[in-house]
Amino acid sequence: MTTLSLQAGKSAKTFPSNSPAIKKTSFKVKDPGSALTHFIGMVAAIIGAGPLLKKAAAGANHAYLGAFTIFILSMICLYAASTTYHTFDISESVNKVLRKIDHAMIFVLIAGSYTPICMIVLPKTIGIPLLATVWAVAIVGTIFKICWITCPHWLSSTLYISMGWLVVFAFSPIMKNLSHAAFLWLLIGGIIYTVGGVIYALKLPLFKHHNWKNFGNHELFHCFVMAGSLCHYILVYTYLA
């Protein structure tokens, strides 16, 4: 058995290589590819928060500033939760809690993305009921995930995608109040999120012929989520703030 010796002066202690004294000093990222992708997303969201909120604050509309704050915080929380879950492998029970938070934050991100649209773009008679609906769905979805975190991927994706596309019921007033370019960013972001959700749900063997240890379907799903977030950030920063 390989041993490690720690010597100080005349005394020395020898530990087996698999000793707890050695293991406690080691750290290994649980899912390197997934952790890295959404760590990048988290950093980007944090960096993007400053310019967005500064621009919004200049408008001196507290309701709008609140909507933008909810939007960017939901994004930061999603990426922070995902990064934490995919980085640490503490214990089975802790991992389960982190996974529940990770999945619940997807509902929060979707509702947070609706918030500036409902509060700024839509008339109150449509925006407020839609906003209340999506946040109610987010709360119910969070409870659902806490109670059944092991539900099939296709069911999770169906819930996320259905919630995201509730916006179709408000397409007409949105198109009236947004420029064509702004509406395009909204639509493209939604489509990208949807494609990512399909990849997550179907577990398509896209990388079966590649020996990429740290990049597979889940990491690709992460990239689509980041791309969707970028589209909606551009929409909010450029056309709404």
C-alpha atoms as a PDB file:
ATOM      1  CA  MET A   1       0.000   0.000   0.000  1.00  0.00           C
ATOM      2  CA  THR A   2       1.275   3.436  -0.873  1.00  0.00           C
ATOM      3  CA  THR A   3       1.940   5.602   2.190  1.00  0.00           C
ATOM      4  CA  LEU A   4       2.530   9.287   2.760  1.00  0.00           C
ATOM      5  CA  SER A   5       4.877  10.520   5.474  1.00  0.00           C
ATOM      6  CA  LEU A   6       4.548  13.862   7.269  1.00  0.00           C
ATOM      7  CA  GLN A   7       7.708  14.749   9.198  1.00  0.00           C
ATOM      8  CA  ALA A   8       8.325  17.572  11.686  1.00  0.00           C
ATOM      9  CA  GLY A   9      11.619  17.541  13.534  1.00  0.00           C
ATOM     10  CA  LYS A  10      12.328  14.074  14.909  1.00  0.00           C
ATOM     11  CA  SER A  11       8.762  12.794  14.799  1.00  0.00           C
ATOM     12  CA  ALA A  12       7.055  11.427  11.728  1.00  0.00           C
ATOM     13  CA  LYS A  13       3.585  10.115  10.987  1.00  0.00           C
ATOM     14  CA  THR A  14       2.768   7.814   8.136  1.00  0.00           C
ATOM     15  CA  PHE A  15      -0.719   7.660   6.582  1.00  0.00           C
ATOM     16  CA  PRO A  16      -2.022   5.172   4.026  1.00  0.00           C
ATOM     17  CA  SER A  17      -2.848   6.874   0.712  1.00  0.00           C
ATOM     18  CA  ASN A  18      -6.541   6.153   1.292  1.00  0.00           C
ATOM     19  CA  SER A  19      -6.542   7.525   4.841  1.00  0.00           C
ATOM     20  CA  PRO A  20      -9.299  10.000   5.816  1.00  0.00           C
ATOM     21  CA  ALA A  21      -6.515  12.394   6.805  1.00  0.00           C
ATOM     22  CA  ILE A  22      -5.527  12.517   3.140  1.00  0.00           C
ATOM     23  CA  LYS A  23      -9.037  12.388   1.650  1.00  0.00           C
ATOM     24  CA  LYS A  24     -10.238  15.389   3.641  1.00  0.00           C
ATOM     25  CA  THR A  25      -7.743  17.635   1.876  1.00  0.00           C
ATOM     26  CA  SER A  26      -8.880  16.682  -1.634  1.00  0.00           C
ATOM     27  CA  PHE A  27     -11.560  18.404  -3.703  1.00  0.00           C
ATOM     28  CA  LYS A  28     -12.999  17.337  -7.010  1.00  0.00           C
ATOM     29  CA  VAL A  29     -15.654  19.111  -9.052  1.00  0.00           C
ATOM     30  CA  LYS A  30     -18.591  16.731  -9.457  1.00  0.00           C
ATOM     31  CA  ASP A  31     -19.579  17.655 -13.031  1.00  0.00           C
ATOM     32  CA  PRO A  32     -16.794  19.846 -14.495  1.00  0.00           C
ATOM     33  CA  GLY A  33     -18.448  20.637 -17.830  1.00  0.00           C
ATOM     34  CA  SER A  34     -21.831  21.479 -16.351  1.00  0.00           C
ATOM     35  CA  ALA A  35     -20.298  23.460 -13.503  1.00  0.00           C
ATOM     36  CA  LEU A  36     -18.084  25.484 -15.842  1.00  0.00           C
ATOM     37  CA  THR A  37     -20.796  26.348 -18.363  1.00  0.00           C
ATOM     38  CA  HIS A  38     -23.185  27.737 -15.806  1.00  0.00           C
ATOM     39  CA  PHE A  39     -20.404  29.358 -13.779  1.00  0.00           C
ATOM     40  CA  ILE A  40     -19.708  31.366 -16.927  1.00  0.00           C
ATOM     41  CA  GLY A  41     -23.432  32.121 -17.128  1.00  0.00           C
ATOM     42  CA  MET A  42     -23.492  33.243 -13.494  1.00  0.00           C
ATOM     43  CA  VAL A  43     -20.512  35.559 -13.926  1.00  0.00           C
ATOM     44  CA  ALA A  44     -21.992  36.994 -17.130  1.00  0.00           C
ATOM     45  CA  ALA A  45     -25.333  37.634 -15.390  1.00  0.00           C
ATOM     46  CA  ILE A  46     -23.626  39.354 -12.462  1.00  0.00           C
ATOM     47  CA  ILE A  47     -21.590  41.527 -14.820  1.00  0.00           C
ATOM     48  CA  GLY A  48     -24.691  42.303 -16.883  1.00  0.00           C
ATOM     49  CA  ALA A  49     -26.670  43.334 -13.800  1.00  0.00           C
ATOM     50  CA  GLY A  50     -24.715  46.562 -13.327  1.00  0.00           C
ATOM     51  CA  PRO A  51     -25.330  48.171 -16.737  1.00  0.00           C
ATOM     52  CA  LEU A  52     -28.956  47.008 -16.824  1.00  0.00           C
ATOM     53  CA  LEU A  53     -29.891  48.362 -13.405  1.00  0.00           C
ATOM     54  CA  LYS A  54     -27.912  51.559 -13.941  1.00  0.00           C
ATOM     55  CA  LYS A  55     -29.755  52.202 -17.196  1.00  0.00           C
ATOM     56  CA  ALA A  56     -33.097  51.356 -15.594  1.00  0.00           C
ATOM     57  CA  ALA A  57     -32.425  53.601 -12.586  1.00  0.00           C
ATOM     58  CA  ALA A  58     -31.816  56.545 -14.903  1.00  0.00           C
ATOM     59  CA  GLY A  59     -35.441  56.266 -15.999  1.00  0.00           C
ATOM     60  CA  ALA A  60     -36.613  56.954 -12.432  1.00  0.00           C
ATOM     61  CA  ASN A  61     -39.535  54.505 -12.738  1.00  0.00           C
ATOM     62  CA  HIS A  62     -39.444  52.356  -9.606  1.00  0.00           C
ATOM     63  CA  ALA A  63     -41.860  49.758 -10.973  1.00  0.00           C
ATOM     64  CA  TYR A  64     -39.709  49.247 -14.043  1.00  0.00           C
ATOM     65  CA  LEU A  65     -36.552  49.094 -11.931  1.00  0.00           C
ATOM     66  CA  GLY A  66     -38.206  46.432  -9.791  1.00  0.00           C
ATOM     67  CA  ALA A  67     -39.105  44.406 -12.884  1.00  0.00           C
ATOM     68  CA  PHE A  68     -35.535  44.539 -14.186  1.00  0.00           C
ATOM     69  CA  THR A  69     -34.176  43.606 -10.757  1.00  0.00           C
ATOM     70  CA  ILE A  70     -36.412  40.533 -10.589  1.00  0.00           C
ATOM     71  CA  PHE A  71     -35.386  39.597 -14.135  1.00  0.00           C
ATOM     72  CA  ILE A  72     -31.641  39.736 -13.515  1.00  0.00           C
ATOM     73  CA  LEU A  73     -31.830  38.209 -10.022  1.00  0.00           C
ATOM     74  CA  SER A  74     -33.774  35.234 -11.360  1.00  0.00           C
ATOM     75  CA  MET A  75     -31.021  34.711 -13.904  1.00  0.00           C
ATOM     76  CA  ILE A  76     -28.238  34.970 -11.321  1.00  0.00           C
ATOM     77  CA  CYS A  77     -30.058  32.596  -8.958  1.00  0.00           C
ATOM     78  CA  LEU A  78     -30.553  29.997 -11.696  1.00  0.00           C
ATOM     79  CA  TYR A  79     -26.900  29.962 -12.693  1.00  0.00           C
ATOM     80  CA  ALA A  80     -25.650  30.106  -9.093  1.00  0.00           C
ATOM     81  CA  ALA A  81     -27.862  27.175  -8.076  1.00  0.00           C
ATOM     82  CA  SER A  82     -26.797  25.127 -11.093  1.00  0.00           C
ATOM     83  CA  THR A  83     -23.112  25.889 -10.557  1.00  0.00           C
ATOM     84  CA  THR A  84     -23.339  24.913  -6.888  1.00  0.00           C
ATOM     85  CA  TYR A  85     -25.152  21.653  -7.606  1.00  0.00           C
ATOM     86  CA  HIS A  86     -22.746  20.582 -10.343  1.00  0.00           C
ATOM     87  CA  THR A  87     -19.641  21.609  -8.385  1.00  0.00           C
ATOM     88  CA  PHE A  88     -20.034  20.039  -4.954  1.00  0.00           C
ATOM     89  CA  ASP A  89     -20.408  16.368  -4.067  1.00  0.00           C
ATOM     90  CA  ILE A  90     -20.822  16.570  -0.306  1.00  0.00           C
ATOM     91  CA  SER A  91     -23.256  13.771   0.481  1.00  0.00           C
ATOM     92  CA  GLU A  92     -26.280  12.098  -1.054  1.00  0.00           C
ATOM     93  CA  SER A  93     -28.694  14.091   1.100  1.00  0.00           C
ATOM     94  CA  VAL A  94     -27.012  17.444   0.388  1.00  0.00           C
ATOM     95  CA  ASN A  95     -26.808  16.645  -3.325  1.00  0.00           C
ATOM     96  CA  LYS A  96     -30.540  15.938  -3.343  1.00  0.00           C
ATOM     97  CA  VAL A  97     -31.318  19.296  -1.734  1.00  0.00           C
ATOM     98  CA  LEU A  98     -29.046  21.142  -4.176  1.00  0.00           C
ATOM     99  CA  ARG A  99     -30.666  19.346  -7.101  1.00  0.00           C
ATOM    100  CA  LYS A 100     -34.124  20.390  -5.928  1.00  0.00           C
ATOM    101  CA  ILE A 101     -32.996  24.014  -5.700  1.00  0.00           C
ATOM    102  CA  ASP A 102     -31.358  23.769  -9.128  1.00  0.00           C
ATOM    103  CA  HIS A 103     -34.539  22.499 -10.784  1.00  0.00           C
ATOM    104  CA  ALA A 104     -36.801  24.902  -8.877  1.00  0.00           C
ATOM    105  CA  MET A 105     -34.736  27.862 -10.071  1.00  0.00           C
ATOM    106  CA  ILE A 106     -35.706  27.057 -13.666  1.00  0.00           C
ATOM    107  CA  PHE A 107     -39.293  27.957 -12.785  1.00  0.00           C
ATOM    108  CA  VAL A 108     -38.013  31.137 -11.125  1.00  0.00           C
ATOM    109  CA  LEU A 109     -35.986  32.079 -14.217  1.00  0.00           C
ATOM    110  CA  ILE A 110     -39.002  31.627 -16.495  1.00  0.00           C
ATOM    111  CA  ALA A 111     -41.232  33.732 -14.232  1.00  0.00           C
ATOM    112  CA  GLY A 112     -38.476  36.321 -13.850  1.00  0.00           C
ATOM    113  CA  SER A 113     -38.165  36.562 -17.629  1.00  0.00           C
ATOM    114  CA  TYR A 114     -41.910  37.208 -17.907  1.00  0.00           C
ATOM    115  CA  THR A 115     -41.817  40.006 -15.326  1.00  0.00           C
ATOM    116  CA  PRO A 116     -40.510  42.930 -17.442  1.00  0.00           C
ATOM    117  CA  ILE A 117     -42.692  41.878 -20.380  1.00  0.00           C
ATOM    118  CA  CYS A 118     -45.831  41.798 -18.251  1.00  0.00           C
ATOM    119  CA  MET A 119     -45.082  44.983 -16.331  1.00  0.00           C
ATOM    120  CA  ILE A 120     -43.718  47.141 -19.151  1.00  0.00           C
ATOM    121  CA  VAL A 121     -44.843  45.843 -22.540  1.00  0.00           C
ATOM    122  CA  LEU A 122     -48.357  44.600 -21.867  1.00  0.00           C
ATOM    123  CA  PRO A 123     -51.326  46.697 -20.747  1.00  0.00           C
ATOM    124  CA  LYS A 124     -52.157  46.108 -17.084  1.00  0.00           C
ATOM    125  CA  THR A 125     -55.413  44.342 -17.907  1.00  0.00           C
ATOM    126  CA  ILE A 126     -53.400  41.597 -19.606  1.00  0.00           C
ATOM    127  CA  GLY A 127     -49.966  41.879 -18.015  1.00  0.00           C
ATOM    128  CA  ILE A 128     -50.982  41.629 -14.356  1.00  0.00           C
ATOM    129  CA  PRO A 129     -53.147  38.478 -14.748  1.00  0.00           C
ATOM    130  CA  LEU A 130     -50.462  36.828 -16.897  1.00  0.00           C
ATOM    131  CA  LEU A 131     -47.740  37.753 -14.408  1.00  0.00           C
ATOM    132  CA  ALA A 132     -49.794  36.397 -11.506  1.00  0.00           C
ATOM    133  CA  THR A 133     -50.391  33.189 -13.451  1.00  0.00           C
ATOM    134  CA  VAL A 134     -46.746  32.507 -14.286  1.00  0.00           C
ATOM    135  CA  TRP A 135     -45.573  33.195 -10.737  1.00  0.00           C
ATOM    136  CA  ALA A 136     -48.319  30.921  -9.407  1.00  0.00           C
ATOM    137  CA  VAL A 137     -47.112  28.222 -11.798  1.00  0.00           C
ATOM    138  CA  ALA A 138     -43.541  28.856 -10.603  1.00  0.00           C
ATOM    139  CA  ILE A 139     -44.592  28.323  -6.988  1.00  0.00           C
ATOM    140  CA  VAL A 140     -46.544  25.165  -7.815  1.00  0.00           C
ATOM    141  CA  GLY A 141     -43.666  23.916  -9.978  1.00  0.00           C
ATOM    142  CA  THR A 142     -41.195  24.513  -7.161  1.00  0.00           C
ATOM    143  CA  ILE A 143     -43.351  22.527  -4.738  1.00  0.00           C
ATOM    144  CA  PHE A 144     -43.738  19.796  -7.367  1.00  0.00           C
ATOM    145  CA  LYS A 145     -39.962  19.535  -7.784  1.00  0.00           C
ATOM    146  CA  ILE A 146     -39.371  19.481  -4.038  1.00  0.00           C
ATOM    147  CA  CYS A 147     -41.832  16.613  -3.695  1.00  0.00           C
ATOM    148  CA  TRP A 148     -40.809  14.661  -6.835  1.00  0.00           C
ATOM    149  CA  ILE A 149     -37.286  15.539  -7.898  1.00  0.00           C
ATOM    150  CA  THR A 150     -36.893  12.173  -9.651  1.00  0.00           C
ATOM    151  CA  CYS A 151     -39.749  12.755 -12.096  1.00  0.00           C
ATOM    152  CA  PRO A 152     -38.933  11.868 -15.745  1.00  0.00           C
ATOM    153  CA  HIS A 153     -36.967  14.414 -17.763  1.00  0.00           C
ATOM    154  CA  TRP A 154     -39.708  14.606 -20.384  1.00  0.00           C
ATOM    155  CA  LEU A 155     -42.217  15.638 -17.721  1.00  0.00           C
ATOM    156  CA  SER A 156     -39.922  18.346 -16.350  1.00  0.00           C
ATOM    157  CA  SER A 157     -39.259  19.715 -19.822  1.00  0.00           C
ATOM    158  CA  THR A 158     -42.968  19.663 -20.676  1.00  0.00           C
ATOM    159  CA  LEU A 159     -43.714  21.761 -17.600  1.00  0.00           C
ATOM    160  CA  TYR A 160     -40.906  24.245 -18.308  1.00  0.00           C
ATOM    161  CA  ILE A 161     -41.713  24.601 -22.004  1.00  0.00           C
ATOM    162  CA  SER A 162     -45.469  24.903 -21.428  1.00  0.00           C
ATOM    163  CA  MET A 163     -44.906  27.618 -18.846  1.00  0.00           C
ATOM    164  CA  GLY A 164     -42.547  29.455 -21.175  1.00  0.00           C
ATOM    165  CA  TRP A 165     -45.012  29.452 -24.056  1.00  0.00           C
ATOM    166  CA  LEU A 166     -47.982  30.780 -22.098  1.00  0.00           C
ATOM    167  CA  VAL A 167     -46.844  34.031 -23.661  1.00  0.00           C
ATOM    168  CA  VAL A 168     -48.513  33.040 -26.947  1.00  0.00           C
ATOM    169  CA  PHE A 169     -51.832  34.145 -25.451  1.00  0.00           C
ATOM    170  CA  ALA A 170     -50.426  37.671 -25.300  1.00  0.00           C
ATOM    171  CA  PHE A 171     -48.605  37.709 -28.644  1.00  0.00           C
ATOM    172  CA  SER A 172     -51.019  40.162 -30.232  1.00  0.00           C
ATOM    173  CA  PRO A 173     -50.547  43.028 -27.729  1.00  0.00           C
ATOM    174  CA  ILE A 174     -46.840  42.240 -27.406  1.00  0.00           C
ATOM    175  CA  MET A 175     -46.369  42.606 -31.161  1.00  0.00           C
ATOM    176  CA  LYS A 176     -48.271  45.902 -31.082  1.00  0.00           C
ATOM    177  CA  ASN A 177     -46.085  47.345 -28.325  1.00  0.00           C
ATOM    178  CA  LEU A 178     -42.672  45.966 -29.318  1.00  0.00           C
ATOM    179  CA  SER A 179     -40.633  46.750 -32.395  1.00  0.00           C
ATOM    180  CA  HIS A 180     -40.053  43.921 -34.856  1.00  0.00           C
ATOM    181  CA  ALA A 181     -36.434  43.601 -33.709  1.00  0.00           C
ATOM    182  CA  ALA A 182     -37.409  43.445 -30.039  1.00  0.00           C
ATOM    183  CA  PHE A 183     -40.094  40.838 -30.689  1.00  0.00           C
ATOM    184  CA  LEU A 184     -37.565  38.808 -32.668  1.00  0.00           C
ATOM    185  CA  TRP A 185     -35.186  38.700 -29.684  1.00  0.00           C
ATOM    186  CA  LEU A 186     -38.069  37.540 -27.491  1.00  0.00           C
ATOM    187  CA  LEU A 187     -39.106  34.854 -29.967  1.00  0.00           C
ATOM    188  CA  ILE A 188     -35.589  33.594 -30.716  1.00  0.00           C
ATOM    189  CA  GLY A 189     -34.821  33.353 -27.008  1.00  0.00           C
ATOM    190  CA  GLY A 190     -37.955  31.286 -26.456  1.00  0.00           C
ATOM    191  CA  ILE A 191     -37.134  28.975 -29.348  1.00  0.00           C
ATOM    192  CA  ILE A 192     -33.580  28.452 -28.096  1.00  0.00           C
ATOM    193  CA  TYR A 193     -34.824  27.642 -24.595  1.00  0.00           C
ATOM    194  CA  THR A 194     -37.295  25.177 -26.128  1.00  0.00           C
ATOM    195  CA  VAL A 195     -34.652  23.382 -28.190  1.00  0.00           C
ATOM    196  CA  GLY A 196     -32.536  23.075 -25.053  1.00  0.00           C
ATOM    197  CA  GLY A 197     -35.498  21.631 -23.181  1.00  0.00           C
ATOM    198  CA  VAL A 198     -36.077  19.052 -25.914  1.00  0.00           C
ATOM    199  CA  ILE A 199     -32.420  18.014 -25.783  1.00  0.00           C
ATOM    200  CA  TYR A 200     -32.718  17.642 -22.003  1.00  0.00           C
ATOM    201  CA  ALA A 201     -35.956  15.660 -22.254  1.00  0.00           C
ATOM    202  CA  LEU A 202     -35.023  13.217 -25.004  1.00  0.00           C
ATOM    203  CA  LYS A 203     -31.408  12.605 -23.978  1.00  0.00           C
ATOM    204  CA  LEU A 204     -30.483  12.392 -27.648  1.00  0.00           C
ATOM    205  CA  PRO A 205     -27.198  10.497 -28.248  1.00  0.00           C
ATOM    206  CA  LEU A 206     -25.578  13.470 -29.963  1.00  0.00           C
ATOM    207  CA  PHE A 207     -22.113  12.765 -28.613  1.00  0.00           C
ATOM    208  CA  LYS A 208     -21.984   8.967 -28.639  1.00  0.00           C
ATOM    209  CA  HIS A 209     -19.184   8.953 -31.231  1.00  0.00           C
ATOM    210  CA  HIS A 210     -17.068  11.504 -29.360  1.00  0.00           C
ATOM    211  CA  ASN A 211     -14.860  10.786 -26.385  1.00  0.00           C
ATOM    212  CA  TRP A 212     -15.557  14.102 -24.661  1.00  0.00           C
ATOM    213  CA  LYS A 213     -15.450  13.284 -20.977  1.00  0.00           C
ATOM    214  CA  ASN A 214     -16.782  16.593 -19.684  1.00  0.00           C
ATOM    215  CA  PHE A 215     -19.143  17.668 -22.463  1.00  0.00           C
ATOM    216  CA  GLY A 216     -22.311  15.848 -23.406  1.00  0.00           C
ATOM    217  CA  ASN A 217     -26.041  16.382 -23.783  1.00  0.00           C
ATOM    218  CA  HIS A 218     -26.471  18.060 -20.416  1.00  0.00           C
ATOM    219  CA  GLU A 219     -23.682  20.530 -21.099  1.00  0.00           C
ATOM    220  CA  LEU A 220     -25.219  21.257 -24.503  1.00  0.00           C
ATOM    221  CA  PHE A 221     -28.524  21.886 -22.741  1.00  0.00           C
ATOM    222  CA  HIS A 222     -26.686  24.348 -20.484  1.00  0.00           C
ATOM    223  CA  CYS A 223     -25.328  26.177 -23.524  1.00  0.00           C
ATOM    224  CA  PHE A 224     -28.821  26.550 -24.987  1.00  0.00           C
ATOM    225  CA  VAL A 225     -30.071  27.948 -21.677  1.00  0.00           C
ATOM    226  CA  MET A 226     -27.246  30.500 -21.701  1.00  0.00           C
ATOM    227  CA  ALA A 227     -27.999  31.471 -25.303  1.00  0.00           C
ATOM    228  CA  GLY A 228     -31.688  31.917 -24.486  1.00  0.00           C
ATOM    229  CA  SER A 229     -30.794  34.079 -21.497  1.00  0.00           C
ATOM    230  CA  LEU A 230     -28.530  36.215 -23.671  1.00  0.00           C
ATOM    231  CA  CYS A 231     -31.322  36.845 -26.183  1.00  0.00           C
ATOM    232  CA  HIS A 232     -33.720  37.954 -23.472  1.00  0.00           C
ATOM    233  CA  TYR A 233     -31.066  40.095 -21.795  1.00  0.00           C
ATOM    234  CA  ILE A 234     -30.462  41.882 -25.101  1.00  0.00           C
ATOM    235  CA  LEU A 235     -34.217  42.418 -25.425  1.00  0.00           C
ATOM    236  CA  VAL A 236     -34.572  43.848 -21.927  1.00  0.00           C
ATOM    237  CA  TYR A 237     -31.415  45.980 -21.956  1.00  0.00           C
ATOM    238  CA  THR A 238     -31.720  47.344 -25.491  1.00  0.00           C
ATOM    239  CA  TYR A 239     -35.453  47.829 -25.914  1.00  0.00           C
ATOM    240  CA  LEU A 240     -37.080  47.976 -22.470  1.00  0.00           C
ATOM    241  CA  ALA A 241     -34.627  49.562 -20.027  1.00  0.00           C
END
